[in-house]
Amino acid sequence: MDTTTILLATGETLRVKGALDEIAKAFENAARSSAGTLAWVEESGSGERLGVAPGQVVWVRTGRD
């Protein structure tokens, strides 16, 4: 299973399920939508669904186990 790591402006990192291109596209789509639109991703460990504001993302990279 592919994972992607996301660094937020708060300093928190999230590891989510999905390939880098897929997760980056979710943030791009949310950023192009109306203000306040979240990118919905699934946390790798717990499977919890998370809504992330694209403006809070500092960087994304391929997840590392």
Protein backbone atom coordinates (compact mmCIF):
# COMPACT_ATOMS: atom_id res chain seq x y z
CA MET A 1 0.00 0.00 0.00
CA ASP A 2 1.29 3.44 -0.94
CA THR A 3 1.49 6.10 1.75
CA THR A 4 2.19 9.81 1.65
CA THR A 5 3.54 11.99 4.44
CA ILE A 6 2.15 15.51 4.86
CA LEU A 7 3.72 18.30 6.92
CA LEU A 8 1.24 20.89 8.20
CA ALA A 9 1.99 24.51 9.09
CA THR A 10 1.44 23.55 12.75
CA GLY A 11 4.47 21.24 12.57
CA GLU A 12 2.32 18.10 12.76
CA THR A 13 2.99 15.35 10.23
CA LEU A 14 0.35 13.00 8.92
CA ARG A 15 0.90 9.70 7.14
CA VAL A 16 -2.02 8.98 4.87
CA LYS A 17 -3.04 6.18 2.52
CA GLY A 18 -2.50 6.85 -1.16
CA ALA A 19 0.20 7.57 -3.69
CA LEU A 20 1.88 10.97 -3.71
CA ASP A 21 0.24 12.01 -7.00
CA GLU A 22 -3.22 11.03 -5.73
CA ILE A 23 -2.85 12.99 -2.46
CA ALA A 24 -1.32 16.03 -4.17
CA LYS A 25 -4.25 16.05 -6.61
CA ALA A 26 -6.73 16.02 -3.69
CA PHE A 27 -5.07 19.16 -2.28
CA GLU A 28 -4.94 20.85 -5.69
CA ASN A 29 -8.64 20.19 -6.26
CA ALA A 30 -9.59 21.47 -2.80
CA ALA A 31 -7.47 24.61 -3.28
CA ARG A 32 -9.24 25.35 -6.60
CA SER A 33 -12.68 24.92 -5.05
CA SER A 34 -14.48 27.50 -2.92
CA ALA A 35 -12.83 28.88 0.20
CA GLY A 36 -12.93 26.49 3.12
CA THR A 37 -13.00 23.32 1.02
CA LEU A 38 -11.05 20.51 2.67
CA ALA A 39 -9.04 17.73 1.06
CA TRP A 40 -10.28 14.43 2.48
CA VAL A 41 -7.62 11.78 3.14
CA GLU A 42 -7.41 8.56 5.15
CA GLU A 43 -4.84 8.20 7.93
CA SER A 44 -2.54 5.27 7.28
CA GLY A 45 -2.45 3.71 10.76
CA SER A 46 -5.99 4.17 12.04
CA GLY A 47 -7.95 4.45 8.78
CA GLU A 48 -9.58 7.59 10.20
CA ARG A 49 -10.88 10.02 7.57
CA LEU A 50 -9.30 13.47 7.91
CA GLY A 51 -10.23 16.79 6.33
CA VAL A 52 -7.16 18.94 5.74
CA ALA A 53 -7.18 22.60 4.67
CA PRO A 54 -4.88 22.85 1.64
CA GLY A 55 -3.51 26.20 2.84
CA GLN A 56 -2.05 24.47 5.90
CA VAL A 57 0.10 22.04 3.91
CA VAL A 58 3.83 22.86 3.89
CA TRP A 59 4.99 19.83 1.89
CA VAL A 60 4.04 16.30 0.84
CA ARG A 61 6.37 13.41 0.07
CA THR A 62 6.23 9.69 -0.46
CA GLY A 63 5.61 8.01 2.89
CA ARG A 64 8.46 6.24 4.61
CA ASP A 65 8.02 3.17 6.78
